[in-house]
Amino acid sequence: MRRMRFNGTGSGVNGCPSVHEDLDSGEVIVHGPPLTDPADIAQLRHLNEGEVPIVVPRELLVDHGPKEVNRVPDIIGLDEFDRLFTQFAHTAWRLETRRRYASDELTDTYAQFLRGEAVNWDGVDAEWCAERREQAALGKRFERVRIVDQPPTPGQLYLLDNARRNSAVGEVIHVLPRADADRVLLPAEDFWLFDSRLVALLNHDSDDNLLNVELITEPAEVLRYAQARDAALHHAIPYDEFAAQLPGRE
């Protein structure tokens, strides 16, 4: 089965015509209304049996078609990635999609959580917390949606507990059940979206280690992530409401 990515649509009403991309082969799939007039079809060259001609507006291919034969990712260093959290002007928004993050499992707080101990988040990553408070005091917004399995994995439960710290320093955190994320076709990518104009894509390996951070600024690509943000926020619920529904929580 192909791994499809939705690139965009030329219609804001019914989603047709649209462009998708095969993430493995790089092939582009376009769908739209068929060309049916026999006189028009007769003018087409090399239309083979089984092929269907379709009609799409030129703008659809310009806006959402790949711009390079071989895409070259723009990988940035972690220092540059960190600077994004003070250089943005209005909003920093995160989609978390993974079932675990290997870096979390190296912390003392994770070990405490697994032992069933109450984690005291006060003072944990004090510098990080101070920076978040400073930026929030400037009127900037930090938000994230976490996709959570049902039942949640240990790593996801840990992050639900960690959300108390993040909320205290100004983040707004929502949770979206994975079944709902799949239903609305959210991407599997883990990313930050800054000011709706640039994306920091967090690439992980199969063992859930962060490999690198890829900067995306191409407008059509950024728009795709902004659309994912809107869909996620529409269906997500505040993290504390979700946590209250879990067994053993009040």
C-alpha atoms as a PDB file:
ATOM      1  CA  MET A   1       0.000   0.000   0.000  1.00  0.00           C
ATOM      2  CA  ARG A   2       1.292   3.443  -0.874  1.00  0.00           C
ATOM      3  CA  ARG A   3       2.097   6.017   1.824  1.00  0.00           C
ATOM      4  CA  MET A   4       0.200   9.026   0.544  1.00  0.00           C
ATOM      5  CA  ARG A   5       0.648  12.651   1.525  1.00  0.00           C
ATOM      6  CA  PHE A   6      -2.015  15.230   0.721  1.00  0.00           C
ATOM      7  CA  ASN A   7      -0.297  18.243  -0.854  1.00  0.00           C
ATOM      8  CA  GLY A   8      -3.305  20.469  -1.455  1.00  0.00           C
ATOM      9  CA  THR A   9      -6.485  21.163  -3.328  1.00  0.00           C
ATOM     10  CA  GLY A  10      -7.669  23.704  -5.840  1.00  0.00           C
ATOM     11  CA  SER A  11     -11.056  23.858  -4.158  1.00  0.00           C
ATOM     12  CA  GLY A  12     -12.012  25.023  -0.720  1.00  0.00           C
ATOM     13  CA  VAL A  13     -15.430  23.413  -1.016  1.00  0.00           C
ATOM     14  CA  ASN A  14     -15.283  19.759  -2.070  1.00  0.00           C
ATOM     15  CA  GLY A  15     -11.541  19.039  -2.189  1.00  0.00           C
ATOM     16  CA  CYS A  16     -11.499  18.313  -5.908  1.00  0.00           C
ATOM     17  CA  PRO A  17      -9.233  18.525  -7.838  1.00  0.00           C
ATOM     18  CA  SER A  18      -6.349  17.647  -5.517  1.00  0.00           C
ATOM     19  CA  VAL A  19      -2.697  16.637  -5.548  1.00  0.00           C
ATOM     20  CA  HIS A  20      -1.175  13.807  -3.496  1.00  0.00           C
ATOM     21  CA  GLU A  21       2.394  12.544  -3.390  1.00  0.00           C
ATOM     22  CA  ASP A  22       3.761   9.042  -2.831  1.00  0.00           C
ATOM     23  CA  LEU A  23       6.244   9.478   0.030  1.00  0.00           C
ATOM     24  CA  ASP A  24       8.326   6.490  -1.058  1.00  0.00           C
ATOM     25  CA  SER A  25       8.440   6.687  -4.851  1.00  0.00           C
ATOM     26  CA  GLY A  26       7.963  10.448  -5.229  1.00  0.00           C
ATOM     27  CA  GLU A  27       5.185   9.871  -7.771  1.00  0.00           C
ATOM     28  CA  VAL A  28       2.447  12.501  -7.946  1.00  0.00           C
ATOM     29  CA  ILE A  29      -1.229  11.546  -7.969  1.00  0.00           C
ATOM     30  CA  VAL A  30      -3.719  14.093  -9.278  1.00  0.00           C
ATOM     31  CA  HIS A  31      -7.482  13.655  -9.227  1.00  0.00           C
ATOM     32  CA  GLY A  32     -10.202  15.828 -10.659  1.00  0.00           C
ATOM     33  CA  PRO A  33     -13.087  15.792 -13.133  1.00  0.00           C
ATOM     34  CA  PRO A  34     -12.514  13.570 -16.194  1.00  0.00           C
ATOM     35  CA  LEU A  35     -12.183  14.912 -19.701  1.00  0.00           C
ATOM     36  CA  THR A  36     -15.184  13.358 -21.458  1.00  0.00           C
ATOM     37  CA  ASP A  37     -15.795  15.165 -24.743  1.00  0.00           C
ATOM     38  CA  PRO A  38     -14.797  12.717 -27.526  1.00  0.00           C
ATOM     39  CA  ALA A  39     -13.544  15.566 -29.709  1.00  0.00           C
ATOM     40  CA  ASP A  40     -11.227  16.729 -26.911  1.00  0.00           C
ATOM     41  CA  ILE A  41     -10.023  13.210 -26.146  1.00  0.00           C
ATOM     42  CA  ALA A  42      -9.265  12.639 -29.821  1.00  0.00           C
ATOM     43  CA  GLN A  43      -6.669  15.429 -29.672  1.00  0.00           C
ATOM     44  CA  LEU A  44      -4.675  13.751 -26.911  1.00  0.00           C
ATOM     45  CA  ARG A  45      -1.475  11.925 -27.832  1.00  0.00           C
ATOM     46  CA  HIS A  46      -0.295   8.707 -26.209  1.00  0.00           C
ATOM     47  CA  LEU A  47      -3.501   8.124 -24.244  1.00  0.00           C
ATOM     48  CA  ASN A  48      -3.303   4.393 -23.611  1.00  0.00           C
ATOM     49  CA  GLU A  49      -5.965   1.904 -22.655  1.00  0.00           C
ATOM     50  CA  GLY A  50      -6.813   2.181 -18.966  1.00  0.00           C
ATOM     51  CA  GLU A  51      -5.651   5.803 -18.697  1.00  0.00           C
ATOM     52  CA  VAL A  52      -8.143   8.520 -17.786  1.00  0.00           C
ATOM     53  CA  PRO A  53      -7.539  12.162 -18.770  1.00  0.00           C
ATOM     54  CA  ILE A  54      -8.523  14.652 -16.082  1.00  0.00           C
ATOM     55  CA  VAL A  55      -8.834  18.424 -16.005  1.00  0.00           C
ATOM     56  CA  VAL A  56      -7.129  20.521 -13.328  1.00  0.00           C
ATOM     57  CA  PRO A  57      -6.488  24.259 -13.064  1.00  0.00           C
ATOM     58  CA  ARG A  58      -2.925  25.340 -13.766  1.00  0.00           C
ATOM     59  CA  GLU A  59      -2.745  26.960 -10.314  1.00  0.00           C
ATOM     60  CA  LEU A  60      -3.205  23.569  -8.647  1.00  0.00           C
ATOM     61  CA  LEU A  61       0.035  22.223 -10.113  1.00  0.00           C
ATOM     62  CA  VAL A  62       1.899  25.484  -9.518  1.00  0.00           C
ATOM     63  CA  ASP A  63       0.824  25.684  -5.875  1.00  0.00           C
ATOM     64  CA  HIS A  64       0.915  22.026  -4.858  1.00  0.00           C
ATOM     65  CA  GLY A  65       3.080  20.118  -7.316  1.00  0.00           C
ATOM     66  CA  PRO A  66       6.699  19.251  -6.362  1.00  0.00           C
ATOM     67  CA  LYS A  67       9.180  21.947  -7.374  1.00  0.00           C
ATOM     68  CA  GLU A  68      12.265  19.696  -7.519  1.00  0.00           C
ATOM     69  CA  VAL A  69      12.938  16.297  -9.043  1.00  0.00           C
ATOM     70  CA  ASN A  70      15.017  15.353  -6.007  1.00  0.00           C
ATOM     71  CA  ARG A  71      14.048  17.350  -2.947  1.00  0.00           C
ATOM     72  CA  VAL A  72      17.002  18.514  -0.871  1.00  0.00           C
ATOM     73  CA  PRO A  73      16.028  18.978   2.791  1.00  0.00           C
ATOM     74  CA  ASP A  74      17.224  22.090   4.633  1.00  0.00           C
ATOM     75  CA  ILE A  75      18.648  20.632   7.857  1.00  0.00           C
ATOM     76  CA  ILE A  76      19.359  23.115  10.650  1.00  0.00           C
ATOM     77  CA  GLY A  77      21.435  22.716  13.808  1.00  0.00           C
ATOM     78  CA  LEU A  78      19.889  22.420  17.260  1.00  0.00           C
ATOM     79  CA  ASP A  79      21.171  25.883  18.219  1.00  0.00           C
ATOM     80  CA  GLU A  80      19.346  27.429  15.260  1.00  0.00           C
ATOM     81  CA  PHE A  81      16.268  25.380  16.135  1.00  0.00           C
ATOM     82  CA  ASP A  82      16.367  26.712  19.719  1.00  0.00           C
ATOM     83  CA  ARG A  83      16.559  30.288  18.439  1.00  0.00           C
ATOM     84  CA  LEU A  84      13.261  29.846  16.600  1.00  0.00           C
ATOM     85  CA  PHE A  85      11.489  29.866  19.979  1.00  0.00           C
ATOM     86  CA  THR A  86      12.582  33.445  20.681  1.00  0.00           C
ATOM     87  CA  GLN A  87      12.631  34.802  17.133  1.00  0.00           C
ATOM     88  CA  PHE A  88       9.024  34.056  16.173  1.00  0.00           C
ATOM     89  CA  ALA A  89       6.543  36.937  16.372  1.00  0.00           C
ATOM     90  CA  HIS A  90       3.130  35.497  17.252  1.00  0.00           C
ATOM     91  CA  THR A  91       2.549  31.744  17.502  1.00  0.00           C
ATOM     92  CA  ALA A  92       4.548  28.563  17.958  1.00  0.00           C
ATOM     93  CA  TRP A  93       2.395  25.471  17.449  1.00  0.00           C
ATOM     94  CA  ARG A  94       3.387  21.805  17.791  1.00  0.00           C
ATOM     95  CA  LEU A  95       1.892  18.526  16.605  1.00  0.00           C
ATOM     96  CA  GLU A  96       3.193  15.522  18.569  1.00  0.00           C
ATOM     97  CA  THR A  97       2.493  12.239  16.831  1.00  0.00           C
ATOM     98  CA  ARG A  98       4.829   9.624  18.294  1.00  0.00           C
ATOM     99  CA  ARG A  99       4.035   6.938  20.848  1.00  0.00           C
ATOM    100  CA  ARG A 100       7.288   7.556  22.694  1.00  0.00           C
ATOM    101  CA  TYR A 101      10.309   9.855  22.639  1.00  0.00           C
ATOM    102  CA  ALA A 102      13.578   8.145  23.505  1.00  0.00           C
ATOM    103  CA  SER A 103      15.023  11.310  25.063  1.00  0.00           C
ATOM    104  CA  ASP A 104      12.239  11.385  27.682  1.00  0.00           C
ATOM    105  CA  GLU A 105      13.220   7.938  28.925  1.00  0.00           C
ATOM    106  CA  LEU A 106      16.711   9.154  29.869  1.00  0.00           C
ATOM    107  CA  THR A 107      15.406  11.634  32.457  1.00  0.00           C
ATOM    108  CA  ASP A 108      15.060  11.259  36.217  1.00  0.00           C
ATOM    109  CA  THR A 109      11.463  12.456  35.999  1.00  0.00           C
ATOM    110  CA  TYR A 110      10.580   9.592  33.649  1.00  0.00           C
ATOM    111  CA  ALA A 111      12.076   7.075  36.077  1.00  0.00           C
ATOM    112  CA  GLN A 112      10.074   8.642  38.917  1.00  0.00           C
ATOM    113  CA  PHE A 113       6.902   8.494  36.873  1.00  0.00           C
ATOM    114  CA  LEU A 114       7.376   4.823  35.981  1.00  0.00           C
ATOM    115  CA  ARG A 115       7.892   4.001  39.660  1.00  0.00           C
ATOM    116  CA  GLY A 116       4.501   5.534  40.370  1.00  0.00           C
ATOM    117  CA  GLU A 117       5.967   8.473  42.265  1.00  0.00           C
ATOM    118  CA  ALA A 118       4.480  11.948  42.063  1.00  0.00           C
ATOM    119  CA  VAL A 119       6.743  14.056  39.870  1.00  0.00           C
ATOM    120  CA  ASN A 120       7.528  17.516  41.193  1.00  0.00           C
ATOM    121  CA  TRP A 121       7.944  19.558  38.034  1.00  0.00           C
ATOM    122  CA  ASP A 122       8.916  22.747  39.881  1.00  0.00           C
ATOM    123  CA  GLY A 123      12.476  23.620  39.004  1.00  0.00           C
ATOM    124  CA  VAL A 124      12.791  21.032  36.209  1.00  0.00           C
ATOM    125  CA  ASP A 125      14.502  22.670  33.207  1.00  0.00           C
ATOM    126  CA  ALA A 126      14.425  26.053  34.934  1.00  0.00           C
ATOM    127  CA  GLU A 127      16.117  27.853  32.032  1.00  0.00           C
ATOM    128  CA  TRP A 128      13.611  26.430  29.530  1.00  0.00           C
ATOM    129  CA  CYS A 129      10.711  27.446  31.764  1.00  0.00           C
ATOM    130  CA  ALA A 130      12.076  30.969  32.228  1.00  0.00           C
ATOM    131  CA  GLU A 131      12.401  31.421  28.467  1.00  0.00           C
ATOM    132  CA  ARG A 132       8.824  30.254  27.902  1.00  0.00           C
ATOM    133  CA  ARG A 133       7.521  32.652  30.551  1.00  0.00           C
ATOM    134  CA  GLU A 134       9.469  35.560  29.040  1.00  0.00           C
ATOM    135  CA  GLN A 135       8.114  34.903  25.553  1.00  0.00           C
ATOM    136  CA  ALA A 136       4.555  34.415  26.825  1.00  0.00           C
ATOM    137  CA  ALA A 137       4.824  37.717  28.705  1.00  0.00           C
ATOM    138  CA  LEU A 138       5.518  39.383  25.349  1.00  0.00           C
ATOM    139  CA  GLY A 139       2.114  38.174  24.146  1.00  0.00           C
ATOM    140  CA  LYS A 140       3.402  35.223  22.135  1.00  0.00           C
ATOM    141  CA  ARG A 141       1.389  31.994  22.119  1.00  0.00           C
ATOM    142  CA  PHE A 142       2.739  28.484  22.588  1.00  0.00           C
ATOM    143  CA  GLU A 143       0.309  25.691  21.730  1.00  0.00           C
ATOM    144  CA  ARG A 144       0.495  21.988  20.992  1.00  0.00           C
ATOM    145  CA  VAL A 145      -1.750  19.051  20.174  1.00  0.00           C
ATOM    146  CA  ARG A 146      -0.627  15.608  21.323  1.00  0.00           C
ATOM    147  CA  ILE A 147      -1.967  12.571  19.514  1.00  0.00           C
ATOM    148  CA  VAL A 148      -2.660   9.871  22.099  1.00  0.00           C
ATOM    149  CA  ASP A 149      -3.428   6.188  21.676  1.00  0.00           C
ATOM    150  CA  GLN A 150      -6.277   4.470  23.461  1.00  0.00           C
ATOM    151  CA  PRO A 151      -5.084   3.261  25.892  1.00  0.00           C
ATOM    152  CA  PRO A 152      -2.188   5.737  26.082  1.00  0.00           C
ATOM    153  CA  THR A 153       1.359   4.412  26.001  1.00  0.00           C
ATOM    154  CA  PRO A 154       3.639   4.958  29.029  1.00  0.00           C
ATOM    155  CA  GLY A 155       5.422   7.721  27.139  1.00  0.00           C
ATOM    156  CA  GLN A 156       2.131   9.460  26.391  1.00  0.00           C
ATOM    157  CA  LEU A 157       0.999   9.196  30.024  1.00  0.00           C
ATOM    158  CA  TYR A 158       4.308  10.727  31.065  1.00  0.00           C
ATOM    159  CA  LEU A 159       3.748  13.674  28.735  1.00  0.00           C
ATOM    160  CA  LEU A 160       0.205  14.120  30.069  1.00  0.00           C
ATOM    161  CA  ASP A 161       1.739  14.523  33.518  1.00  0.00           C
ATOM    162  CA  ASN A 162       4.445  16.793  32.113  1.00  0.00           C
ATOM    163  CA  ALA A 163       1.716  19.008  30.647  1.00  0.00           C
ATOM    164  CA  ARG A 164       1.224  20.501  34.118  1.00  0.00           C
ATOM    165  CA  ARG A 165       4.663  22.118  33.849  1.00  0.00           C
ATOM    166  CA  ASN A 166       4.176  23.282  30.275  1.00  0.00           C
ATOM    167  CA  SER A 167       0.816  24.829  31.098  1.00  0.00           C
ATOM    168  CA  ALA A 168       2.277  26.634  34.085  1.00  0.00           C
ATOM    169  CA  VAL A 169       4.747  28.479  31.857  1.00  0.00           C
ATOM    170  CA  GLY A 170       2.143  29.558  29.307  1.00  0.00           C
ATOM    171  CA  GLU A 171       1.577  26.695  26.856  1.00  0.00           C
ATOM    172  CA  VAL A 172      -1.905  25.692  25.765  1.00  0.00           C
ATOM    173  CA  ILE A 173      -2.031  21.910  25.366  1.00  0.00           C
ATOM    174  CA  HIS A 174      -4.731  19.799  23.748  1.00  0.00           C
ATOM    175  CA  VAL A 175      -5.042  16.071  23.183  1.00  0.00           C
ATOM    176  CA  LEU A 176      -6.405  14.243  20.153  1.00  0.00           C
ATOM    177  CA  PRO A 177      -7.152  10.487  20.181  1.00  0.00           C
ATOM    178  CA  ARG A 178      -5.236   8.727  17.428  1.00  0.00           C
ATOM    179  CA  ALA A 179      -8.433   7.299  15.945  1.00  0.00           C
ATOM    180  CA  ASP A 180      -9.695  10.845  15.373  1.00  0.00           C
ATOM    181  CA  ALA A 181      -6.339  11.922  13.941  1.00  0.00           C
ATOM    182  CA  ASP A 182      -6.454   9.028  11.476  1.00  0.00           C
ATOM    183  CA  ARG A 183     -10.058   9.804  10.579  1.00  0.00           C
ATOM    184  CA  VAL A 184      -9.221  13.388   9.547  1.00  0.00           C
ATOM    185  CA  LEU A 185      -6.015  12.208   7.801  1.00  0.00           C
ATOM    186  CA  LEU A 186      -3.544  14.159   9.884  1.00  0.00           C
ATOM    187  CA  PRO A 187       0.064  13.700   8.768  1.00  0.00           C
ATOM    188  CA  ALA A 188       2.349  11.381  10.724  1.00  0.00           C
ATOM    189  CA  GLU A 189       5.052  14.047  10.898  1.00  0.00           C
ATOM    190  CA  ASP A 190       6.118  15.621  14.180  1.00  0.00           C
ATOM    191  CA  PHE A 191       6.595  19.370  13.715  1.00  0.00           C
ATOM    192  CA  TRP A 192       6.551  22.931  15.032  1.00  0.00           C
ATOM    193  CA  LEU A 193       4.794  25.629  12.997  1.00  0.00           C
ATOM    194  CA  PHE A 194       5.998  29.191  13.624  1.00  0.00           C
ATOM    195  CA  ASP A 195       3.813  32.180  12.708  1.00  0.00           C
ATOM    196  CA  SER A 196       2.128  30.049  10.013  1.00  0.00           C
ATOM    197  CA  ARG A 197       5.106  30.792   7.762  1.00  0.00           C
ATOM    198  CA  LEU A 198       7.814  28.234   8.567  1.00  0.00           C
ATOM    199  CA  VAL A 199       7.895  24.646   9.759  1.00  0.00           C
ATOM    200  CA  ALA A 200      10.510  22.850  11.834  1.00  0.00           C
ATOM    201  CA  LEU A 201      10.030  19.171  10.981  1.00  0.00           C
ATOM    202  CA  LEU A 202      11.383  16.826  13.669  1.00  0.00           C
ATOM    203  CA  ASN A 203      12.741  13.707  11.994  1.00  0.00           C
ATOM    204  CA  HIS A 204      13.057  10.617  14.212  1.00  0.00           C
ATOM    205  CA  ASP A 205      14.551   7.199  13.576  1.00  0.00           C
ATOM    206  CA  SER A 206      12.778   3.879  14.124  1.00  0.00           C
ATOM    207  CA  ASP A 207      13.940   3.867  17.769  1.00  0.00           C
ATOM    208  CA  ASP A 208      12.297   7.249  18.429  1.00  0.00           C
ATOM    209  CA  ASN A 209      15.555   9.197  18.627  1.00  0.00           C
ATOM    210  CA  LEU A 210      15.595  12.687  17.126  1.00  0.00           C
ATOM    211  CA  LEU A 211      17.732  12.533  13.983  1.00  0.00           C
ATOM    212  CA  ASN A 212      17.584  16.136  12.819  1.00  0.00           C
ATOM    213  CA  VAL A 213      15.421  19.218  12.358  1.00  0.00           C
ATOM    214  CA  GLU A 214      14.359  20.165   8.846  1.00  0.00           C
ATOM    215  CA  LEU A 215      13.354  23.739   8.058  1.00  0.00           C
ATOM    216  CA  ILE A 216      10.496  24.163   5.569  1.00  0.00           C
ATOM    217  CA  THR A 217       9.602  27.608   4.202  1.00  0.00           C
ATOM    218  CA  GLU A 218       8.074  26.841   0.778  1.00  0.00           C
ATOM    219  CA  PRO A 219       4.581  28.433   0.999  1.00  0.00           C
ATOM    220  CA  ALA A 220       2.577  25.505  -0.391  1.00  0.00           C
ATOM    221  CA  GLU A 221       4.310  23.089   1.988  1.00  0.00           C
ATOM    222  CA  VAL A 222       3.792  25.397   4.966  1.00  0.00           C
ATOM    223  CA  LEU A 223       0.118  25.696   4.034  1.00  0.00           C
ATOM    224  CA  ARG A 224      -0.255  21.919   4.242  1.00  0.00           C
ATOM    225  CA  TYR A 225       1.015  21.939   7.831  1.00  0.00           C
ATOM    226  CA  ALA A 226      -1.215  24.900   8.699  1.00  0.00           C
ATOM    227  CA  GLN A 227      -4.205  22.944   7.407  1.00  0.00           C
ATOM    228  CA  ALA A 228      -3.180  20.035   9.634  1.00  0.00           C
ATOM    229  CA  ARG A 229      -3.018  22.412  12.597  1.00  0.00           C
ATOM    230  CA  ASP A 230      -6.541  23.681  11.948  1.00  0.00           C
ATOM    231  CA  ALA A 231      -7.948  20.157  11.672  1.00  0.00           C
ATOM    232  CA  ALA A 232      -6.155  18.992  14.825  1.00  0.00           C
ATOM    233  CA  LEU A 233      -7.325  21.939  16.898  1.00  0.00           C
ATOM    234  CA  HIS A 234     -10.901  21.519  15.712  1.00  0.00           C
ATOM    235  CA  HIS A 235     -11.115  17.958  17.033  1.00  0.00           C
ATOM    236  CA  ALA A 236      -8.783  18.079  20.060  1.00  0.00           C
ATOM    237  CA  ILE A 237      -9.787  18.631  23.692  1.00  0.00           C
ATOM    238  CA  PRO A 238      -7.881  20.270  26.581  1.00  0.00           C
ATOM    239  CA  TYR A 239      -5.347  17.887  28.085  1.00  0.00           C
ATOM    240  CA  ASP A 240      -6.808  18.082  31.605  1.00  0.00           C
ATOM    241  CA  GLU A 241     -10.251  17.061  30.345  1.00  0.00           C
ATOM    242  CA  PHE A 242      -8.713  14.078  28.582  1.00  0.00           C
ATOM    243  CA  ALA A 243      -6.638  13.108  31.625  1.00  0.00           C
ATOM    244  CA  ALA A 244      -9.718  13.251  33.866  1.00  0.00           C
ATOM    245  CA  GLN A 245     -11.375  10.573  31.694  1.00  0.00           C
ATOM    246  CA  LEU A 246      -8.552   8.055  32.168  1.00  0.00           C
ATOM    247  CA  PRO A 247      -9.044   5.148  34.599  1.00  0.00           C
ATOM    248  CA  GLY A 248      -7.831   6.055  38.072  1.00  0.00           C
ATOM    249  CA  ARG A 249      -8.101   9.808  37.424  1.00  0.00           C
ATOM    250  CA  GLU A 250     -10.634  12.148  38.876  1.00  0.00           C
END
